[in-house]
Amino acid sequence: MDMIRLYLDNCCFNRPYDDQSQSKIKNETDATLLIQERIINNEFELAWSFILDFENSLNPFAERKNAISKWKQYSQIDIVESKEILNIADDVQLLNINSADSLHVACSILALCDYFITTDDALITKLKNYERIKVINPIQYNLLNY
């Protein structure tokens, strides 16, 4: 059986640093940390990308930036920018999705991920019926795959 391959966007990696006093954020943090634990335990494969590196490089908090960048070492695949990625991203943008998010989605597709995991509710809504990748919140993902 093939291992499930996941793509977590920058929202997921940053969720533990958000204000945990809101129950939604705390629950998403717990769900994300559980997924990350299972990645470390080799229960899931992690896909990484140039757009994760780029967005993380813009993080103004050095400690967070360094902690997030360490996740790259757990990835089984690292997607680099290519014409194919940009073409897929152009198609995704037609769904009224910004360029950075469309690049994340395109990378997850090219990496042959089973799921694109994000805490961005608007992005999940826009991609609800998108057939090229399953887009899901970390809480829902854990409910389906635990």
C-alpha atoms as a PDB file:
ATOM      1  CA  MET A   1       0.000   0.000   0.000  1.00  0.00           C
ATOM      2  CA  ASP A   2       1.299   3.441  -0.925  1.00  0.00           C
ATOM      3  CA  MET A   3       1.822   5.906   1.870  1.00  0.00           C
ATOM      4  CA  ILE A   4      -0.439   8.959   1.927  1.00  0.00           C
ATOM      5  CA  ARG A   5       1.386  12.058   0.675  1.00  0.00           C
ATOM      6  CA  LEU A   6       0.400  15.401   2.168  1.00  0.00           C
ATOM      7  CA  TYR A   7       1.060  19.014   1.339  1.00  0.00           C
ATOM      8  CA  LEU A   8       0.654  21.429   4.249  1.00  0.00           C
ATOM      9  CA  ASP A   9       0.557  25.075   3.259  1.00  0.00           C
ATOM     10  CA  ASN A  10       2.235  27.877   5.170  1.00  0.00           C
ATOM     11  CA  CYS A  11      -0.957  28.528   7.164  1.00  0.00           C
ATOM     12  CA  CYS A  12      -0.635  25.085   8.746  1.00  0.00           C
ATOM     13  CA  PHE A  13       3.022  25.492   9.660  1.00  0.00           C
ATOM     14  CA  ASN A  14       2.266  28.877  11.226  1.00  0.00           C
ATOM     15  CA  ARG A  15      -0.911  27.818  13.064  1.00  0.00           C
ATOM     16  CA  PRO A  16       0.877  26.862  16.327  1.00  0.00           C
ATOM     17  CA  TYR A  17       2.166  30.448  16.550  1.00  0.00           C
ATOM     18  CA  ASP A  18      -1.293  32.020  16.313  1.00  0.00           C
ATOM     19  CA  ASP A  19      -3.379  33.180  19.277  1.00  0.00           C
ATOM     20  CA  GLN A  20      -4.485  29.925  20.905  1.00  0.00           C
ATOM     21  CA  SER A  21      -7.255  31.535  22.967  1.00  0.00           C
ATOM     22  CA  GLN A  22      -9.764  30.951  20.137  1.00  0.00           C
ATOM     23  CA  SER A  23     -11.050  27.369  20.158  1.00  0.00           C
ATOM     24  CA  LYS A  24     -11.019  27.058  16.344  1.00  0.00           C
ATOM     25  CA  ILE A  25      -7.347  28.033  16.202  1.00  0.00           C
ATOM     26  CA  LYS A  26      -6.448  25.790  19.143  1.00  0.00           C
ATOM     27  CA  ASN A  27      -8.252  22.828  17.551  1.00  0.00           C
ATOM     28  CA  GLU A  28      -6.552  23.451  14.196  1.00  0.00           C
ATOM     29  CA  THR A  29      -3.196  23.713  15.972  1.00  0.00           C
ATOM     30  CA  ASP A  30      -3.751  20.397  17.744  1.00  0.00           C
ATOM     31  CA  ALA A  31      -4.815  18.763  14.477  1.00  0.00           C
ATOM     32  CA  THR A  32      -1.821  20.164  12.602  1.00  0.00           C
ATOM     33  CA  LEU A  33       0.604  19.060  15.311  1.00  0.00           C
ATOM     34  CA  LEU A  34      -0.870  15.553  15.196  1.00  0.00           C
ATOM     35  CA  ILE A  35      -0.339  15.408  11.431  1.00  0.00           C
ATOM     36  CA  GLN A  36       3.211  16.676  11.860  1.00  0.00           C
ATOM     37  CA  GLU A  37       3.882  14.053  14.528  1.00  0.00           C
ATOM     38  CA  ARG A  38       2.666  11.361  12.139  1.00  0.00           C
ATOM     39  CA  ILE A  39       4.955  12.749   9.431  1.00  0.00           C
ATOM     40  CA  ILE A  40       7.927  12.492  11.798  1.00  0.00           C
ATOM     41  CA  ASN A  41       6.860   8.917  12.596  1.00  0.00           C
ATOM     42  CA  ASN A  42       6.847   8.105   8.864  1.00  0.00           C
ATOM     43  CA  GLU A  43       3.111   7.434   8.807  1.00  0.00           C
ATOM     44  CA  PHE A  44       2.618  10.072   6.083  1.00  0.00           C
ATOM     45  CA  GLU A  45       4.850  11.519   3.391  1.00  0.00           C
ATOM     46  CA  LEU A  46       5.381  15.267   3.289  1.00  0.00           C
ATOM     47  CA  ALA A  47       5.753  17.251   0.080  1.00  0.00           C
ATOM     48  CA  TRP A  48       7.685  20.530   0.208  1.00  0.00           C
ATOM     49  CA  SER A  49       8.016  23.320  -2.338  1.00  0.00           C
ATOM     50  CA  PHE A  50       9.849  26.433  -3.401  1.00  0.00           C
ATOM     51  CA  ILE A  51       6.787  28.531  -2.510  1.00  0.00           C
ATOM     52  CA  LEU A  52       6.883  27.237   1.085  1.00  0.00           C
ATOM     53  CA  ASP A  53      10.560  28.241   1.227  1.00  0.00           C
ATOM     54  CA  PHE A  54       9.779  31.653  -0.263  1.00  0.00           C
ATOM     55  CA  GLU A  55       6.823  32.459   2.002  1.00  0.00           C
ATOM     56  CA  ASN A  56       8.721  31.264   5.049  1.00  0.00           C
ATOM     57  CA  SER A  57      11.693  33.469   4.102  1.00  0.00           C
ATOM     58  CA  LEU A  58       9.364  36.449   4.519  1.00  0.00           C
ATOM     59  CA  ASN A  59       8.457  35.479   8.092  1.00  0.00           C
ATOM     60  CA  PRO A  60       9.561  38.399  10.300  1.00  0.00           C
ATOM     61  CA  PHE A  61      10.010  36.121  13.330  1.00  0.00           C
ATOM     62  CA  ALA A  62      13.414  34.392  13.111  1.00  0.00           C
ATOM     63  CA  GLU A  63      12.553  31.653  15.621  1.00  0.00           C
ATOM     64  CA  ARG A  64       9.359  30.715  13.747  1.00  0.00           C
ATOM     65  CA  LYS A  65      11.110  30.925  10.369  1.00  0.00           C
ATOM     66  CA  ASN A  66      13.868  28.561  11.554  1.00  0.00           C
ATOM     67  CA  ALA A  67      11.423  26.111  13.137  1.00  0.00           C
ATOM     68  CA  ILE A  68       9.275  25.968   9.996  1.00  0.00           C
ATOM     69  CA  SER A  69      12.267  25.598   7.670  1.00  0.00           C
ATOM     70  CA  LYS A  70      13.325  22.469   9.581  1.00  0.00           C
ATOM     71  CA  TRP A  71      10.202  20.700   8.294  1.00  0.00           C
ATOM     72  CA  LYS A  72      11.808  20.503   4.866  1.00  0.00           C
ATOM     73  CA  GLN A  73      14.077  17.734   6.175  1.00  0.00           C
ATOM     74  CA  TYR A  74      11.029  15.507   6.669  1.00  0.00           C
ATOM     75  CA  SER A  75       9.838  15.882   3.100  1.00  0.00           C
ATOM     76  CA  GLN A  76      10.101  13.071   0.586  1.00  0.00           C
ATOM     77  CA  ILE A  77       9.763  15.420  -2.355  1.00  0.00           C
ATOM     78  CA  ASP A  78      10.726  19.061  -2.904  1.00  0.00           C
ATOM     79  CA  ILE A  79       9.005  20.733  -5.834  1.00  0.00           C
ATOM     80  CA  VAL A  80      11.018  23.406  -7.647  1.00  0.00           C
ATOM     81  CA  GLU A  81       9.606  26.123  -9.846  1.00  0.00           C
ATOM     82  CA  SER A  82       8.979  24.997 -13.409  1.00  0.00           C
ATOM     83  CA  LYS A  83       6.927  25.933 -16.449  1.00  0.00           C
ATOM     84  CA  GLU A  84       4.561  23.071 -15.604  1.00  0.00           C
ATOM     85  CA  ILE A  85       3.992  24.442 -12.083  1.00  0.00           C
ATOM     86  CA  LEU A  86       3.309  27.913 -13.460  1.00  0.00           C
ATOM     87  CA  ASN A  87       0.838  26.540 -16.021  1.00  0.00           C
ATOM     88  CA  ILE A  88      -1.077  24.614 -13.351  1.00  0.00           C
ATOM     89  CA  ALA A  89      -1.025  27.680 -11.088  1.00  0.00           C
ATOM     90  CA  ASP A  90      -2.459  29.798 -13.923  1.00  0.00           C
ATOM     91  CA  ASP A  91      -5.373  27.355 -14.185  1.00  0.00           C
ATOM     92  CA  VAL A  92      -5.924  27.425 -10.409  1.00  0.00           C
ATOM     93  CA  GLN A  93      -5.954  31.240 -10.441  1.00  0.00           C
ATOM     94  CA  LEU A  94      -8.999  31.086 -12.718  1.00  0.00           C
ATOM     95  CA  LEU A  95     -10.899  29.988  -9.590  1.00  0.00           C
ATOM     96  CA  ASN A  96     -10.244  33.428  -8.040  1.00  0.00           C
ATOM     97  CA  ILE A  97      -7.279  32.171  -6.015  1.00  0.00           C
ATOM     98  CA  ASN A  98      -4.251  34.401  -5.412  1.00  0.00           C
ATOM     99  CA  SER A  99      -0.895  33.633  -6.973  1.00  0.00           C
ATOM    100  CA  ALA A 100       0.837  32.280  -3.850  1.00  0.00           C
ATOM    101  CA  ASP A 101      -2.040  29.933  -2.991  1.00  0.00           C
ATOM    102  CA  SER A 102      -2.303  28.822  -6.604  1.00  0.00           C
ATOM    103  CA  LEU A 103       1.407  27.944  -6.554  1.00  0.00           C
ATOM    104  CA  HIS A 104       0.918  25.883  -3.384  1.00  0.00           C
ATOM    105  CA  VAL A 105      -1.973  24.018  -5.011  1.00  0.00           C
ATOM    106  CA  ALA A 106       0.020  23.496  -8.211  1.00  0.00           C
ATOM    107  CA  CYS A 107       2.966  22.112  -6.241  1.00  0.00           C
ATOM    108  CA  SER A 108       0.706  19.692  -4.385  1.00  0.00           C
ATOM    109  CA  ILE A 109      -0.707  18.481  -7.698  1.00  0.00           C
ATOM    110  CA  LEU A 110       2.703  18.029  -9.308  1.00  0.00           C
ATOM    111  CA  ALA A 111       3.944  16.234  -6.174  1.00  0.00           C
ATOM    112  CA  LEU A 112       1.045  13.774  -6.584  1.00  0.00           C
ATOM    113  CA  CYS A 113      -0.237  14.537  -3.107  1.00  0.00           C
ATOM    114  CA  ASP A 114      -3.333  12.835  -1.817  1.00  0.00           C
ATOM    115  CA  TYR A 115      -4.357  15.905   0.171  1.00  0.00           C
ATOM    116  CA  PHE A 116      -3.650  19.624   0.304  1.00  0.00           C
ATOM    117  CA  ILE A 117      -4.097  20.663   3.936  1.00  0.00           C
ATOM    118  CA  THR A 118      -4.786  24.269   4.908  1.00  0.00           C
ATOM    119  CA  THR A 119      -6.458  26.291   7.640  1.00  0.00           C
ATOM    120  CA  ASP A 120      -7.564  28.890   5.073  1.00  0.00           C
ATOM    121  CA  ASP A 121     -11.358  28.504   5.029  1.00  0.00           C
ATOM    122  CA  ALA A 122     -11.789  30.729   1.961  1.00  0.00           C
ATOM    123  CA  LEU A 123      -9.322  28.614  -0.006  1.00  0.00           C
ATOM    124  CA  ILE A 124     -11.076  25.406   1.052  1.00  0.00           C
ATOM    125  CA  THR A 125     -14.407  26.852  -0.099  1.00  0.00           C
ATOM    126  CA  LYS A 126     -13.034  27.956  -3.470  1.00  0.00           C
ATOM    127  CA  LEU A 127     -11.481  24.527  -4.102  1.00  0.00           C
ATOM    128  CA  LYS A 128     -14.356  22.461  -2.696  1.00  0.00           C
ATOM    129  CA  ASN A 129     -15.250  20.970  -6.067  1.00  0.00           C
ATOM    130  CA  TYR A 130     -11.777  21.084  -7.585  1.00  0.00           C
ATOM    131  CA  GLU A 131     -11.018  17.648  -8.999  1.00  0.00           C
ATOM    132  CA  ARG A 132      -7.224  17.703  -9.227  1.00  0.00           C
ATOM    133  CA  ILE A 133      -6.504  17.668  -5.463  1.00  0.00           C
ATOM    134  CA  LYS A 134      -8.498  17.125  -2.268  1.00  0.00           C
ATOM    135  CA  VAL A 135      -8.318  20.303  -0.174  1.00  0.00           C
ATOM    136  CA  ILE A 136      -9.113  19.898   3.497  1.00  0.00           C
ATOM    137  CA  ASN A 137      -8.721  21.461   6.928  1.00  0.00           C
ATOM    138  CA  PRO A 138      -6.381  19.568   9.341  1.00  0.00           C
ATOM    139  CA  ILE A 139      -9.262  18.822  11.720  1.00  0.00           C
ATOM    140  CA  GLN A 140     -11.349  17.198   8.980  1.00  0.00           C
ATOM    141  CA  TYR A 141      -8.278  15.385   7.690  1.00  0.00           C
ATOM    142  CA  ASN A 142      -7.646  13.774  11.074  1.00  0.00           C
ATOM    143  CA  LEU A 143     -11.293  12.787  11.391  1.00  0.00           C
ATOM    144  CA  LEU A 144     -10.976  10.920   8.067  1.00  0.00           C
ATOM    145  CA  ASN A 145      -7.539   9.418   8.593  1.00  0.00           C
ATOM    146  CA  TYR A 146      -7.018   8.418  12.180  1.00  0.00           C
END
